[in-house]
Amino acid sequence: MKATLVIVENDRDHQQAKALVEKLMDSTDPSDQARLIAQARLIEAYEQSRWPRRTPTLPQLLTYLSASARAKVCW
């Protein structure tokens, strides 16, 4: 069995890969489900390297929490 996946190396590949995932999500074929999982993992790896998570500093965390608390009071 041959499967086509998009190797994600740049933003253009990223868009193509997301389009493929969207297409595969509607399929009930087991081989398409396997492709979906593999493609999602490739996208995840690219996103983690492109936009790595950073641990917030204490001032950033306190600013976020105080803004969240104010937003809850307004609603």
N, C-alpha and C. Protein backbone atom coordinates (compact mmCIF):
# COMPACT_ATOMS: atom_id res chain seq x y z
N MET A 1 0.84 -1.17 0.00
CA MET A 1 0.00 0.00 0.00
C MET A 1 0.88 1.24 0.00
N LYS A 2 0.60 2.18 -0.89
CA LYS A 2 1.32 3.44 -0.93
C LYS A 2 0.42 4.53 -0.38
N ALA A 3 0.99 5.39 0.41
CA ALA A 3 0.24 6.51 0.99
C ALA A 3 0.96 7.81 0.66
N THR A 4 0.20 8.82 0.37
CA THR A 4 0.76 10.13 0.08
C THR A 4 0.58 11.02 1.29
N LEU A 5 1.68 11.57 1.78
CA LEU A 5 1.66 12.51 2.89
C LEU A 5 2.40 13.77 2.46
N VAL A 6 2.11 14.87 3.11
CA VAL A 6 2.80 16.12 2.85
C VAL A 6 3.86 16.31 3.93
N ILE A 7 5.12 16.37 3.51
CA ILE A 7 6.21 16.65 4.44
C ILE A 7 6.18 18.15 4.69
N VAL A 8 6.06 18.56 5.94
CA VAL A 8 5.86 19.96 6.27
C VAL A 8 7.20 20.61 6.62
N GLU A 9 7.67 21.46 5.71
CA GLU A 9 8.94 22.15 5.92
C GLU A 9 8.80 23.67 5.91
N ASN A 10 7.64 24.18 5.48
CA ASN A 10 7.43 25.63 5.43
C ASN A 10 5.93 25.91 5.53
N ASP A 11 5.59 27.19 5.51
CA ASP A 11 4.18 27.58 5.70
C ASP A 11 3.29 27.09 4.56
N ARG A 12 3.82 27.04 3.35
CA ARG A 12 3.03 26.54 2.21
C ARG A 12 2.69 25.06 2.39
N ASP A 13 3.71 24.28 2.78
CA ASP A 13 3.48 22.86 3.06
C ASP A 13 2.47 22.69 4.20
N HIS A 14 2.57 23.58 5.18
CA HIS A 14 1.68 23.53 6.34
C HIS A 14 0.22 23.68 5.90
N GLN A 15 -0.04 24.63 5.01
CA GLN A 15 -1.40 24.83 4.50
C GLN A 15 -1.89 23.62 3.72
N GLN A 16 -1.00 23.05 2.89
CA GLN A 16 -1.38 21.86 2.11
C GLN A 16 -1.67 20.68 3.03
N ALA A 17 -0.86 20.52 4.05
CA ALA A 17 -1.04 19.41 4.98
C ALA A 17 -2.35 19.55 5.74
N LYS A 18 -2.69 20.77 6.17
CA LYS A 18 -3.96 20.98 6.86
C LYS A 18 -5.15 20.70 5.94
N ALA A 19 -5.01 21.06 4.67
CA ALA A 19 -6.09 20.77 3.70
C ALA A 19 -6.27 19.26 3.54
N LEU A 20 -5.16 18.52 3.51
CA LEU A 20 -5.24 17.07 3.39
C LEU A 20 -5.91 16.46 4.62
N VAL A 21 -5.56 16.95 5.79
CA VAL A 21 -6.18 16.45 7.02
C VAL A 21 -7.68 16.71 7.00
N GLU A 22 -8.07 17.89 6.56
CA GLU A 22 -9.50 18.21 6.48
C GLU A 22 -10.23 17.24 5.55
N LYS A 23 -9.59 16.92 4.44
CA LYS A 23 -10.19 15.97 3.49
C LYS A 23 -10.28 14.57 4.09
N LEU A 24 -9.24 14.14 4.77
CA LEU A 24 -9.19 12.79 5.33
C LEU A 24 -10.13 12.61 6.52
N MET A 25 -10.49 13.69 7.18
CA MET A 25 -11.35 13.58 8.37
C MET A 25 -12.73 13.01 8.04
N ASP A 26 -13.19 13.19 6.82
CA ASP A 26 -14.51 12.70 6.43
C ASP A 26 -14.52 11.25 5.98
N SER A 27 -13.34 10.67 5.80
CA SER A 27 -13.24 9.31 5.29
C SER A 27 -13.43 8.27 6.40
N THR A 28 -14.04 7.16 6.03
CA THR A 28 -14.18 6.04 6.96
C THR A 28 -13.26 4.88 6.60
N ASP A 29 -12.49 5.05 5.55
CA ASP A 29 -11.54 4.03 5.10
C ASP A 29 -10.39 3.92 6.12
N PRO A 30 -10.09 2.72 6.62
CA PRO A 30 -9.02 2.56 7.60
C PRO A 30 -7.65 3.07 7.12
N SER A 31 -7.36 2.93 5.83
CA SER A 31 -6.07 3.43 5.35
C SER A 31 -6.04 4.96 5.38
N ASP A 32 -7.16 5.59 5.12
CA ASP A 32 -7.23 7.05 5.21
C ASP A 32 -7.11 7.50 6.66
N GLN A 33 -7.66 6.73 7.58
CA GLN A 33 -7.55 7.07 8.99
C GLN A 33 -6.09 7.00 9.44
N ALA A 34 -5.35 6.00 8.93
CA ALA A 34 -3.92 5.89 9.24
C ALA A 34 -3.16 7.08 8.66
N ARG A 35 -3.50 7.46 7.43
CA ARG A 35 -2.87 8.64 6.82
C ARG A 35 -3.18 9.89 7.62
N LEU A 36 -4.42 10.00 8.10
CA LEU A 36 -4.82 11.15 8.90
C LEU A 36 -3.95 11.28 10.14
N ILE A 37 -3.76 10.19 10.84
CA ILE A 37 -2.94 10.20 12.06
C ILE A 37 -1.50 10.58 11.74
N ALA A 38 -0.94 9.98 10.69
CA ALA A 38 0.44 10.27 10.31
C ALA A 38 0.60 11.73 9.90
N GLN A 39 -0.35 12.25 9.11
CA GLN A 39 -0.26 13.64 8.66
C GLN A 39 -0.42 14.60 9.84
N ALA A 40 -1.30 14.29 10.74
CA ALA A 40 -1.48 15.14 11.93
C ALA A 40 -0.21 15.20 12.76
N ARG A 41 0.50 14.08 12.84
CA ARG A 41 1.77 14.06 13.59
C ARG A 41 2.83 14.91 12.90
N LEU A 42 2.86 14.88 11.57
CA LEU A 42 3.81 15.71 10.84
C LEU A 42 3.49 17.20 11.05
N ILE A 43 2.21 17.53 11.04
CA ILE A 43 1.80 18.92 11.27
C ILE A 43 2.19 19.34 12.69
N GLU A 44 1.92 18.49 13.65
CA GLU A 44 2.24 18.81 15.04
C GLU A 44 3.74 19.04 15.22
N ALA A 45 4.56 18.21 14.61
CA ALA A 45 6.02 18.38 14.73
C ALA A 45 6.46 19.72 14.14
N TYR A 46 5.90 20.08 12.99
CA TYR A 46 6.23 21.36 12.37
C TYR A 46 5.80 22.52 13.27
N GLU A 47 4.58 22.46 13.78
CA GLU A 47 4.06 23.55 14.61
C GLU A 47 4.87 23.71 15.89
N GLN A 48 5.31 22.60 16.47
CA GLN A 48 6.11 22.69 17.69
C GLN A 48 7.48 23.31 17.42
N SER A 49 8.04 23.04 16.25
CA SER A 49 9.33 23.65 15.93
C SER A 49 9.17 25.10 15.46
N ARG A 50 8.09 25.39 14.77
CA ARG A 50 7.85 26.74 14.23
C ARG A 50 7.41 27.70 15.31
N TRP A 51 6.53 27.25 16.19
CA TRP A 51 6.00 28.09 17.25
C TRP A 51 6.16 27.38 18.60
N PRO A 52 7.39 27.32 19.11
CA PRO A 52 7.60 26.59 20.37
C PRO A 52 6.92 27.29 21.54
N ARG A 53 6.45 26.49 22.46
CA ARG A 53 5.84 27.05 23.66
C ARG A 53 6.94 27.55 24.58
N ARG A 54 6.68 28.67 25.17
CA ARG A 54 7.63 29.23 26.13
C ARG A 54 6.95 29.33 27.49
N THR A 55 7.69 29.03 28.52
CA THR A 55 7.15 29.16 29.86
C THR A 55 7.04 30.65 30.17
N PRO A 56 5.86 31.10 30.60
CA PRO A 56 5.72 32.53 30.89
C PRO A 56 6.50 32.93 32.14
N THR A 57 6.94 34.18 32.14
CA THR A 57 7.58 34.70 33.34
C THR A 57 6.50 34.97 34.38
N LEU A 58 6.91 35.17 35.63
CA LEU A 58 5.94 35.44 36.68
C LEU A 58 5.14 36.72 36.40
N PRO A 59 5.76 37.82 35.97
CA PRO A 59 4.95 39.01 35.66
C PRO A 59 3.94 38.75 34.51
N GLN A 60 4.34 38.01 33.51
CA GLN A 60 3.41 37.69 32.42
C GLN A 60 2.24 36.87 32.93
N LEU A 61 2.51 35.91 33.78
CA LEU A 61 1.47 35.06 34.34
C LEU A 61 0.50 35.87 35.20
N LEU A 62 1.04 36.74 36.04
CA LEU A 62 0.18 37.57 36.89
C LEU A 62 -0.66 38.53 36.06
N THR A 63 -0.09 39.10 35.01
CA THR A 63 -0.85 39.99 34.12
C THR A 63 -1.99 39.24 33.47
N TYR A 64 -1.71 38.04 32.98
CA TYR A 64 -2.74 37.22 32.34
C TYR A 64 -3.86 36.88 33.33
N LEU A 65 -3.47 36.45 34.52
CA LEU A 65 -4.48 36.06 35.52
C LEU A 65 -5.32 37.25 35.96
N SER A 66 -4.71 38.41 36.13
CA SER A 66 -5.49 39.57 36.57
C SER A 66 -6.43 40.03 35.45
N ALA A 67 -5.98 39.96 34.21
CA ALA A 67 -6.85 40.31 33.08
C ALA A 67 -8.01 39.33 32.98
N SER A 68 -7.74 38.06 33.21
CA SER A 68 -8.80 37.04 33.16
C SER A 68 -9.82 37.28 34.27
N ALA A 69 -9.35 37.64 35.44
CA ALA A 69 -10.25 37.89 36.57
C ALA A 69 -11.13 39.10 36.29
N ARG A 70 -10.54 40.15 35.70
CA ARG A 70 -11.34 41.34 35.35
C ARG A 70 -12.38 41.01 34.31
N ALA A 71 -12.02 40.19 33.34
CA ALA A 71 -12.97 39.81 32.29
C ALA A 71 -14.16 39.05 32.87
N LYS A 72 -13.92 38.21 33.84
CA LYS A 72 -15.00 37.44 34.47
C LYS A 72 -15.94 38.33 35.27
N VAL A 73 -15.41 39.37 35.87
CA VAL A 73 -16.23 40.28 36.68
C VAL A 73 -17.15 41.07 35.77
N CYS A 74 -16.65 41.43 34.58
CA CYS A 74 -17.46 42.23 33.65
C CYS A 74 -18.64 41.44 33.09
N TRP A 75 -18.54 40.16 33.00
CA TRP A 75 -19.61 39.35 32.42
C TRP A 75 -20.54 38.96 33.50
